[in-house]
Amino acid sequence: MSNSAQVIRPPNTLRLKVGGGFGGIDASAIAKAEEALKAMSAQFGQWLQDEIVKLDKAQSDIRSQGYNDQTAEALYFRAHDLKGLGTTYQYPLVTRLAGSLCKMMDEPAKRMAAPLVLIDAHVDAIKAVVRDQIQTDDHPTGKALAETLEARVAEHLG
């Protein structure tokens, strides 16, 4: 009895679809994007403040309306936005702190079980690092804040 097998290798057309390999990346387009980002960087501080105002309002709504599905979701979306924008706005520490908050709240069931004291600690930490211009976790205070909050989230979720 013989088991002859035939190996069929389909053609890899992905390379053709993305521009034929690494040479398909347009370096001038990347340079233009970097220049545009650099030109906008003067506005990053104001944009970050705008996001902090939204986060503060979400925290205030929780205090005035209670912690419910609607107020929890609003806070989560504010934190999620900051998680994505912090590094772009030259505050990777904000990204890290907001990421920790999102980890605790990323599913609706988890969201409602999140301790308000831990939520407030994250929000207050984000506001403090922006106020005091602590951009990275190279700063001892920023590092201590991030590590402590992440440890509390891990304890809560564990």
N, C-alpha and C. Protein backbone atom coordinates (compact mmCIF):
# COMPACT_ATOMS: atom_id res chain seq x y z
N MET A 1 0.85 -1.16 0.00
CA MET A 1 0.00 0.00 0.00
C MET A 1 0.89 1.23 0.00
N SER A 2 0.62 2.11 -0.90
CA SER A 2 1.45 3.30 -0.99
C SER A 2 0.62 4.53 -0.68
N ASN A 3 1.18 5.42 0.09
CA ASN A 3 0.53 6.69 0.43
C ASN A 3 1.24 7.80 -0.31
N SER A 4 0.90 7.96 -1.53
CA SER A 4 1.53 9.06 -2.25
C SER A 4 0.70 10.31 -2.00
N ALA A 5 1.39 11.32 -1.62
CA ALA A 5 0.72 12.60 -1.32
C ALA A 5 1.25 13.65 -2.27
N GLN A 6 0.39 14.57 -2.56
CA GLN A 6 0.79 15.66 -3.42
C GLN A 6 0.63 16.95 -2.63
N VAL A 7 1.68 17.75 -2.58
CA VAL A 7 1.65 19.02 -1.88
C VAL A 7 1.33 20.10 -2.90
N ILE A 8 0.28 20.82 -2.58
CA ILE A 8 -0.13 21.91 -3.47
C ILE A 8 0.15 23.22 -2.73
N ARG A 9 0.95 24.05 -3.31
CA ARG A 9 1.27 25.34 -2.71
C ARG A 9 0.57 26.45 -3.51
N PRO A 10 -0.42 27.07 -2.91
CA PRO A 10 -1.11 28.14 -3.64
C PRO A 10 -0.18 29.35 -3.78
N PRO A 11 -0.36 30.12 -4.81
CA PRO A 11 0.50 31.29 -5.00
C PRO A 11 0.23 32.33 -3.90
N ASN A 12 1.28 33.01 -3.48
CA ASN A 12 1.17 34.05 -2.46
C ASN A 12 0.93 35.38 -3.18
N THR A 13 -0.32 35.80 -3.22
CA THR A 13 -0.65 37.05 -3.92
C THR A 13 -0.70 38.25 -2.98
N LEU A 14 -0.46 38.02 -1.71
CA LEU A 14 -0.51 39.12 -0.76
C LEU A 14 0.52 40.20 -1.10
N ARG A 15 1.71 39.78 -1.49
CA ARG A 15 2.77 40.74 -1.82
C ARG A 15 2.32 41.67 -2.94
N LEU A 16 1.62 41.15 -3.91
CA LEU A 16 1.13 41.99 -5.01
C LEU A 16 0.07 42.98 -4.53
N LYS A 17 -0.73 42.55 -3.58
CA LYS A 17 -1.81 43.40 -3.08
C LYS A 17 -1.31 44.56 -2.22
N VAL A 18 -0.16 44.40 -1.56
CA VAL A 18 0.35 45.46 -0.70
C VAL A 18 1.53 46.20 -1.31
N GLY A 19 1.70 46.09 -2.58
CA GLY A 19 2.71 46.89 -3.24
C GLY A 19 3.99 46.17 -3.57
N GLY A 20 4.00 44.87 -3.55
CA GLY A 20 5.17 44.14 -4.01
C GLY A 20 6.30 44.04 -3.01
N GLY A 21 6.03 44.17 -1.76
CA GLY A 21 7.09 44.02 -0.76
C GLY A 21 7.41 45.33 -0.09
N PHE A 22 8.55 45.37 0.56
CA PHE A 22 8.92 46.54 1.33
C PHE A 22 9.17 47.76 0.45
N GLY A 23 9.52 47.55 -0.80
CA GLY A 23 9.74 48.66 -1.71
C GLY A 23 8.46 49.41 -2.01
N GLY A 24 7.29 48.85 -1.66
CA GLY A 24 6.02 49.49 -1.95
C GLY A 24 5.66 50.60 -0.98
N ILE A 25 6.42 50.75 0.10
CA ILE A 25 6.14 51.81 1.06
C ILE A 25 6.70 53.11 0.50
N ASP A 26 5.86 54.11 0.45
CA ASP A 26 6.26 55.40 -0.10
C ASP A 26 6.90 56.25 0.98
N ALA A 27 8.21 56.38 0.93
CA ALA A 27 8.95 57.13 1.94
C ALA A 27 8.55 58.60 1.95
N SER A 28 8.23 59.15 0.82
CA SER A 28 7.84 60.56 0.79
C SER A 28 6.49 60.77 1.47
N ALA A 29 5.59 59.81 1.36
CA ALA A 29 4.30 59.91 2.04
C ALA A 29 4.50 59.86 3.55
N ILE A 30 5.40 59.02 4.00
CA ILE A 30 5.70 58.94 5.43
C ILE A 30 6.31 60.25 5.90
N ALA A 31 7.21 60.80 5.15
CA ALA A 31 7.84 62.07 5.51
C ALA A 31 6.80 63.19 5.59
N LYS A 32 5.87 63.21 4.64
CA LYS A 32 4.81 64.22 4.65
C LYS A 32 3.93 64.07 5.90
N ALA A 33 3.61 62.84 6.25
CA ALA A 33 2.79 62.59 7.44
C ALA A 33 3.52 63.04 8.70
N GLU A 34 4.81 62.76 8.77
CA GLU A 34 5.59 63.18 9.94
C GLU A 34 5.67 64.69 10.03
N GLU A 35 5.81 65.37 8.91
CA GLU A 35 5.83 66.83 8.89
C GLU A 35 4.49 67.40 9.34
N ALA A 36 3.40 66.80 8.87
CA ALA A 36 2.06 67.26 9.26
C ALA A 36 1.86 67.09 10.76
N LEU A 37 2.31 65.96 11.28
CA LEU A 37 2.19 65.71 12.72
C LEU A 37 3.03 66.71 13.51
N LYS A 38 4.21 67.00 13.02
CA LYS A 38 5.08 67.97 13.68
C LYS A 38 4.43 69.36 13.68
N ALA A 39 3.81 69.73 12.58
CA ALA A 39 3.15 71.03 12.48
C ALA A 39 1.98 71.14 13.45
N MET A 40 1.31 70.03 13.72
CA MET A 40 0.17 70.04 14.63
C MET A 40 0.59 69.93 16.09
N SER A 41 1.84 69.59 16.36
CA SER A 41 2.26 69.31 17.73
C SER A 41 2.08 70.51 18.65
N ALA A 42 2.07 71.71 18.13
CA ALA A 42 1.85 72.88 18.98
C ALA A 42 0.45 72.86 19.59
N GLN A 43 -0.47 72.16 18.96
CA GLN A 43 -1.84 72.09 19.44
C GLN A 43 -2.09 70.91 20.38
N PHE A 44 -1.12 70.03 20.53
CA PHE A 44 -1.30 68.82 21.33
C PHE A 44 -1.71 69.15 22.77
N GLY A 45 -1.08 70.15 23.35
CA GLY A 45 -1.38 70.49 24.73
C GLY A 45 -2.85 70.86 24.92
N GLN A 46 -3.39 71.67 23.99
CA GLN A 46 -4.79 72.07 24.09
C GLN A 46 -5.71 70.87 23.84
N TRP A 47 -5.35 70.06 22.87
CA TRP A 47 -6.18 68.88 22.58
C TRP A 47 -6.20 67.92 23.77
N LEU A 48 -5.06 67.76 24.41
CA LEU A 48 -5.00 66.89 25.58
C LEU A 48 -5.86 67.48 26.70
N GLN A 49 -5.79 68.80 26.88
CA GLN A 49 -6.64 69.44 27.90
C GLN A 49 -8.12 69.22 27.59
N ASP A 50 -8.49 69.29 26.32
CA ASP A 50 -9.88 69.04 25.93
C ASP A 50 -10.31 67.63 26.33
N GLU A 51 -9.43 66.66 26.15
CA GLU A 51 -9.73 65.28 26.54
C GLU A 51 -9.83 65.15 28.06
N ILE A 52 -9.00 65.88 28.78
CA ILE A 52 -9.04 65.85 30.25
C ILE A 52 -10.36 66.44 30.74
N VAL A 53 -10.83 67.49 30.09
CA VAL A 53 -12.12 68.09 30.46
C VAL A 53 -13.24 67.06 30.28
N LYS A 54 -13.20 66.31 29.19
CA LYS A 54 -14.21 65.26 28.95
C LYS A 54 -14.12 64.16 30.01
N LEU A 55 -12.90 63.78 30.36
CA LEU A 55 -12.70 62.75 31.40
C LEU A 55 -13.22 63.26 32.74
N ASP A 56 -12.93 64.51 33.05
CA ASP A 56 -13.39 65.10 34.30
C ASP A 56 -14.92 65.15 34.35
N LYS A 57 -15.54 65.46 33.23
CA LYS A 57 -17.01 65.49 33.18
C LYS A 57 -17.58 64.09 33.40
N ALA A 58 -16.96 63.08 32.80
CA ALA A 58 -17.42 61.70 33.00
C ALA A 58 -17.32 61.31 34.47
N GLN A 59 -16.24 61.71 35.13
CA GLN A 59 -16.08 61.41 36.55
C GLN A 59 -17.13 62.18 37.37
N SER A 60 -17.36 63.41 37.01
CA SER A 60 -18.35 64.24 37.70
C SER A 60 -19.76 63.67 37.52
N ASP A 61 -20.06 63.18 36.32
CA ASP A 61 -21.38 62.57 36.07
C ASP A 61 -21.59 61.34 36.95
N ILE A 62 -20.54 60.57 37.16
CA ILE A 62 -20.65 59.40 38.03
C ILE A 62 -20.98 59.84 39.45
N ARG A 63 -20.35 60.90 39.89
CA ARG A 63 -20.59 61.40 41.25
C ARG A 63 -22.00 61.95 41.40
N SER A 64 -22.51 62.63 40.35
CA SER A 64 -23.83 63.25 40.47
C SER A 64 -24.98 62.32 40.10
N GLN A 65 -24.77 61.41 39.15
CA GLN A 65 -25.84 60.55 38.66
C GLN A 65 -25.73 59.12 39.17
N GLY A 66 -24.62 58.79 39.79
CA GLY A 66 -24.39 57.42 40.25
C GLY A 66 -23.62 56.62 39.21
N TYR A 67 -23.12 55.51 39.66
CA TYR A 67 -22.35 54.62 38.78
C TYR A 67 -23.32 53.62 38.18
N ASN A 68 -23.67 53.85 36.93
CA ASN A 68 -24.61 52.98 36.24
C ASN A 68 -24.04 52.64 34.86
N ASP A 69 -24.77 51.86 34.10
CA ASP A 69 -24.28 51.44 32.78
C ASP A 69 -23.88 52.63 31.91
N GLN A 70 -24.71 53.66 31.91
CA GLN A 70 -24.47 54.80 31.04
C GLN A 70 -23.24 55.61 31.48
N THR A 71 -23.15 55.93 32.77
CA THR A 71 -22.02 56.74 33.22
C THR A 71 -20.71 55.95 33.18
N ALA A 72 -20.79 54.66 33.44
CA ALA A 72 -19.60 53.81 33.38
C ALA A 72 -19.09 53.72 31.94
N GLU A 73 -20.01 53.56 31.00
CA GLU A 73 -19.61 53.46 29.60
C GLU A 73 -19.01 54.78 29.12
N ALA A 74 -19.58 55.90 29.52
CA ALA A 74 -19.04 57.20 29.13
C ALA A 74 -17.61 57.37 29.64
N LEU A 75 -17.37 56.98 30.88
CA LEU A 75 -16.03 57.07 31.43
C LEU A 75 -15.07 56.14 30.69
N TYR A 76 -15.53 54.94 30.40
CA TYR A 76 -14.69 53.98 29.67
C TYR A 76 -14.27 54.55 28.32
N PHE A 77 -15.21 55.15 27.59
CA PHE A 77 -14.87 55.69 26.28
C PHE A 77 -13.90 56.86 26.37
N ARG A 78 -14.02 57.67 27.42
CA ARG A 78 -13.06 58.76 27.63
C ARG A 78 -11.67 58.17 27.89
N ALA A 79 -11.61 57.15 28.74
CA ALA A 79 -10.33 56.50 29.04
C ALA A 79 -9.76 55.84 27.79
N HIS A 80 -10.61 55.23 27.01
CA HIS A 80 -10.16 54.56 25.79
C HIS A 80 -9.58 55.58 24.81
N ASP A 81 -10.22 56.73 24.69
CA ASP A 81 -9.69 57.78 23.82
C ASP A 81 -8.31 58.22 24.30
N LEU A 82 -8.16 58.43 25.60
CA LEU A 82 -6.87 58.85 26.13
C LEU A 82 -5.80 57.77 25.97
N LYS A 83 -6.22 56.53 26.06
CA LYS A 83 -5.27 55.43 25.84
C LYS A 83 -4.69 55.53 24.43
N GLY A 84 -5.53 55.86 23.49
CA GLY A 84 -5.07 55.97 22.10
C GLY A 84 -4.35 57.27 21.80
N LEU A 85 -4.70 58.35 22.48
CA LEU A 85 -4.15 59.66 22.13
C LEU A 85 -2.96 60.09 22.98
N GLY A 86 -2.81 59.52 24.15
CA GLY A 86 -1.76 59.98 25.07
C GLY A 86 -0.38 60.04 24.45
N THR A 87 0.05 58.97 23.83
CA THR A 87 1.38 58.94 23.24
C THR A 87 1.47 59.90 22.06
N THR A 88 0.42 59.97 21.26
CA THR A 88 0.41 60.91 20.14
C THR A 88 0.60 62.34 20.64
N TYR A 89 -0.02 62.65 21.77
CA TYR A 89 0.08 63.98 22.35
C TYR A 89 1.32 64.15 23.23
N GLN A 90 2.25 63.22 23.11
CA GLN A 90 3.55 63.24 23.80
C GLN A 90 3.44 62.97 25.30
N TYR A 91 2.43 62.19 25.67
CA TYR A 91 2.23 61.77 27.06
C TYR A 91 2.04 60.25 27.11
N PRO A 92 3.11 59.49 26.89
CA PRO A 92 2.96 58.03 26.97
C PRO A 92 2.50 57.55 28.35
N LEU A 93 2.77 58.33 29.39
CA LEU A 93 2.30 57.94 30.72
C LEU A 93 0.77 57.99 30.78
N VAL A 94 0.16 58.94 30.10
CA VAL A 94 -1.31 58.99 30.04
C VAL A 94 -1.84 57.74 29.34
N THR A 95 -1.17 57.34 28.27
CA THR A 95 -1.57 56.12 27.57
C THR A 95 -1.50 54.93 28.53
N ARG A 96 -0.44 54.84 29.31
CA ARG A 96 -0.28 53.71 30.23
C ARG A 96 -1.35 53.73 31.32
N LEU A 97 -1.59 54.89 31.93
CA LEU A 97 -2.60 54.99 32.99
C LEU A 97 -4.00 54.72 32.45
N ALA A 98 -4.32 55.29 31.31
CA ALA A 98 -5.63 55.07 30.71
C ALA A 98 -5.78 53.61 30.28
N GLY A 99 -4.69 53.00 29.85
CA GLY A 99 -4.72 51.58 29.49
C GLY A 99 -5.03 50.71 30.69
N SER A 100 -4.49 51.07 31.84
CA SER A 100 -4.78 50.33 33.06
C SER A 100 -6.26 50.46 33.43
N LEU A 101 -6.78 51.67 33.31
CA LEU A 101 -8.21 51.89 33.59
C LEU A 101 -9.07 51.10 32.60
N CYS A 102 -8.70 51.12 31.34
CA CYS A 102 -9.47 50.37 30.32
C CYS A 102 -9.43 48.88 30.60
N LYS A 103 -8.30 48.38 31.03
CA LYS A 103 -8.18 46.94 31.33
C LYS A 103 -9.20 46.53 32.38
N MET A 104 -9.42 47.41 33.33
CA MET A 104 -10.35 47.11 34.41
C MET A 104 -11.80 47.24 33.94
N MET A 105 -12.03 47.98 32.86
CA MET A 105 -13.39 48.30 32.45
C MET A 105 -13.74 47.86 31.03
N ASP A 106 -12.90 47.04 30.41
CA ASP A 106 -13.08 46.78 28.98
C ASP A 106 -14.29 45.93 28.60
N GLU A 107 -14.89 45.28 29.54
CA GLU A 107 -16.11 44.52 29.28
C GLU A 107 -17.21 45.06 30.18
N PRO A 108 -18.45 45.14 29.68
CA PRO A 108 -19.53 45.71 30.50
C PRO A 108 -19.68 45.05 31.87
N ALA A 109 -19.51 43.75 31.97
CA ALA A 109 -19.65 43.09 33.28
C ALA A 109 -18.51 43.52 34.22
N LYS A 110 -17.29 43.59 33.69
CA LYS A 110 -16.16 44.05 34.48
C LYS A 110 -16.35 45.50 34.89
N ARG A 111 -16.88 46.27 33.97
CA ARG A 111 -17.08 47.71 34.18
C ARG A 111 -17.90 47.97 35.43
N MET A 112 -18.97 47.23 35.58
CA MET A 112 -19.87 47.47 36.70
C MET A 112 -19.30 46.95 38.02
N ALA A 113 -18.32 46.06 37.95
CA ALA A 113 -17.70 45.52 39.17
C ALA A 113 -16.48 46.33 39.60
N ALA A 114 -16.09 47.29 38.78
CA ALA A 114 -14.88 48.06 39.08
C ALA A 114 -15.10 48.94 40.32
N PRO A 115 -14.17 48.91 41.26
CA PRO A 115 -14.32 49.73 42.47
C PRO A 115 -14.18 51.22 42.14
N LEU A 116 -15.12 52.01 42.61
CA LEU A 116 -15.09 53.45 42.32
C LEU A 116 -13.81 54.11 42.83
N VAL A 117 -13.31 53.66 43.95
CA VAL A 117 -12.09 54.26 44.48
C VAL A 117 -10.92 54.05 43.52
N LEU A 118 -10.88 52.91 42.87
CA LEU A 118 -9.81 52.62 41.91
C LEU A 118 -10.02 53.39 40.60
N ILE A 119 -11.26 53.54 40.21
CA ILE A 119 -11.57 54.36 39.04
C ILE A 119 -11.14 55.79 39.29
N ASP A 120 -11.54 56.34 40.45
CA ASP A 120 -11.16 57.72 40.80
C ASP A 120 -9.65 57.88 40.88
N ALA A 121 -8.96 56.90 41.40
CA ALA A 121 -7.50 56.98 41.50
C ALA A 121 -6.87 57.09 40.11
N HIS A 122 -7.39 56.33 39.16
CA HIS A 122 -6.87 56.42 37.79
C HIS A 122 -7.16 57.80 37.18
N VAL A 123 -8.39 58.24 37.29
CA VAL A 123 -8.77 59.53 36.71
C VAL A 123 -7.94 60.65 37.34
N ASP A 124 -7.82 60.63 38.66
CA ASP A 124 -7.05 61.66 39.34
C ASP A 124 -5.57 61.60 38.97
N ALA A 125 -5.04 60.41 38.78
CA ALA A 125 -3.64 60.26 38.36
C ALA A 125 -3.43 60.83 36.96
N ILE A 126 -4.35 60.55 36.05
CA ILE A 126 -4.24 61.08 34.69
C ILE A 126 -4.27 62.60 34.73
N LYS A 127 -5.21 63.16 35.47
CA LYS A 127 -5.30 64.62 35.56
C LYS A 127 -4.03 65.21 36.19
N ALA A 128 -3.49 64.55 37.20
CA ALA A 128 -2.29 65.05 37.89
C ALA A 128 -1.06 65.03 36.99
N VAL A 129 -0.88 63.95 36.23
CA VAL A 129 0.33 63.88 35.40
C VAL A 129 0.27 64.92 34.27
N VAL A 130 -0.91 65.19 33.77
CA VAL A 130 -1.04 66.22 32.74
C VAL A 130 -0.81 67.60 33.37
N ARG A 131 -1.44 67.83 34.52
CA ARG A 131 -1.28 69.12 35.21
C ARG A 131 0.19 69.40 35.52
N ASP A 132 0.89 68.37 36.01
CA ASP A 132 2.28 68.54 36.42
C ASP A 132 3.28 68.25 35.30
N GLN A 133 2.77 68.01 34.12
CA GLN A 133 3.58 67.75 32.91
C GLN A 133 4.56 66.60 33.10
N ILE A 134 4.06 65.52 33.67
CA ILE A 134 4.84 64.28 33.82
C ILE A 134 4.48 63.41 32.62
N GLN A 135 5.33 63.41 31.63
CA GLN A 135 4.98 62.78 30.37
C GLN A 135 5.28 61.30 30.30
N THR A 136 6.32 60.86 30.99
CA THR A 136 6.74 59.45 30.86
C THR A 136 6.89 58.80 32.23
N ASP A 137 7.01 57.50 32.22
CA ASP A 137 7.23 56.78 33.47
C ASP A 137 8.71 56.75 33.85
N ASP A 138 9.53 57.54 33.13
CA ASP A 138 10.91 57.74 33.57
C ASP A 138 10.93 58.62 34.82
N HIS A 139 9.90 59.41 34.99
CA HIS A 139 9.76 60.27 36.17
C HIS A 139 9.39 59.37 37.34
N PRO A 140 10.05 59.51 38.50
CA PRO A 140 9.78 58.59 39.61
C PRO A 140 8.32 58.61 40.09
N THR A 141 7.71 59.77 40.09
CA THR A 141 6.31 59.83 40.51
C THR A 141 5.41 59.14 39.50
N GLY A 142 5.67 59.39 38.22
CA GLY A 142 4.88 58.75 37.17
C GLY A 142 5.02 57.25 37.21
N LYS A 143 6.23 56.78 37.42
CA LYS A 143 6.47 55.34 37.49
C LYS A 143 5.74 54.73 38.68
N ALA A 144 5.82 55.38 39.84
CA ALA A 144 5.16 54.86 41.04
C ALA A 144 3.65 54.83 40.86
N LEU A 145 3.10 55.89 40.28
CA LEU A 145 1.65 55.92 40.02
C LEU A 145 1.23 54.76 39.12
N ALA A 146 1.92 54.62 38.00
CA ALA A 146 1.55 53.59 37.03
C ALA A 146 1.67 52.19 37.64
N GLU A 147 2.78 51.92 38.28
CA GLU A 147 2.99 50.59 38.84
C GLU A 147 1.98 50.26 39.94
N THR A 148 1.69 51.25 40.78
CA THR A 148 0.73 51.02 41.87
C THR A 148 -0.67 50.76 41.33
N LEU A 149 -1.10 51.59 40.39
CA LEU A 149 -2.44 51.41 39.83
C LEU A 149 -2.55 50.10 39.07
N GLU A 150 -1.53 49.75 38.30
CA GLU A 150 -1.57 48.48 37.57
C GLU A 150 -1.62 47.29 38.54
N ALA A 151 -0.91 47.41 39.65
CA ALA A 151 -0.94 46.32 40.64
C ALA A 151 -2.33 46.20 41.27
N ARG A 152 -2.97 47.31 41.54
CA ARG A 152 -4.32 47.28 42.13
C ARG A 152 -5.33 46.70 41.14
N VAL A 153 -5.17 47.04 39.87
CA VAL A 153 -6.07 46.48 38.85
C VAL A 153 -5.86 44.97 38.77
N ALA A 154 -4.61 44.54 38.78
CA ALA A 154 -4.32 43.10 38.73
C ALA A 154 -4.92 42.38 39.94
N GLU A 155 -4.82 42.98 41.12
CA GLU A 155 -5.42 42.38 42.31
C GLU A 155 -6.95 42.30 42.16
N HIS A 156 -7.53 43.37 41.67
CA HIS A 156 -9.00 43.40 41.49
C HIS A 156 -9.45 42.33 40.49
N LEU A 157 -8.73 42.22 39.39
CA LEU A 157 -9.14 41.28 38.34
C LEU A 157 -8.76 39.85 38.68
N GLY A 158 -7.74 39.69 39.52
CA GLY A 158 -7.25 38.35 39.85
C GLY A 158 -8.09 37.68 40.83
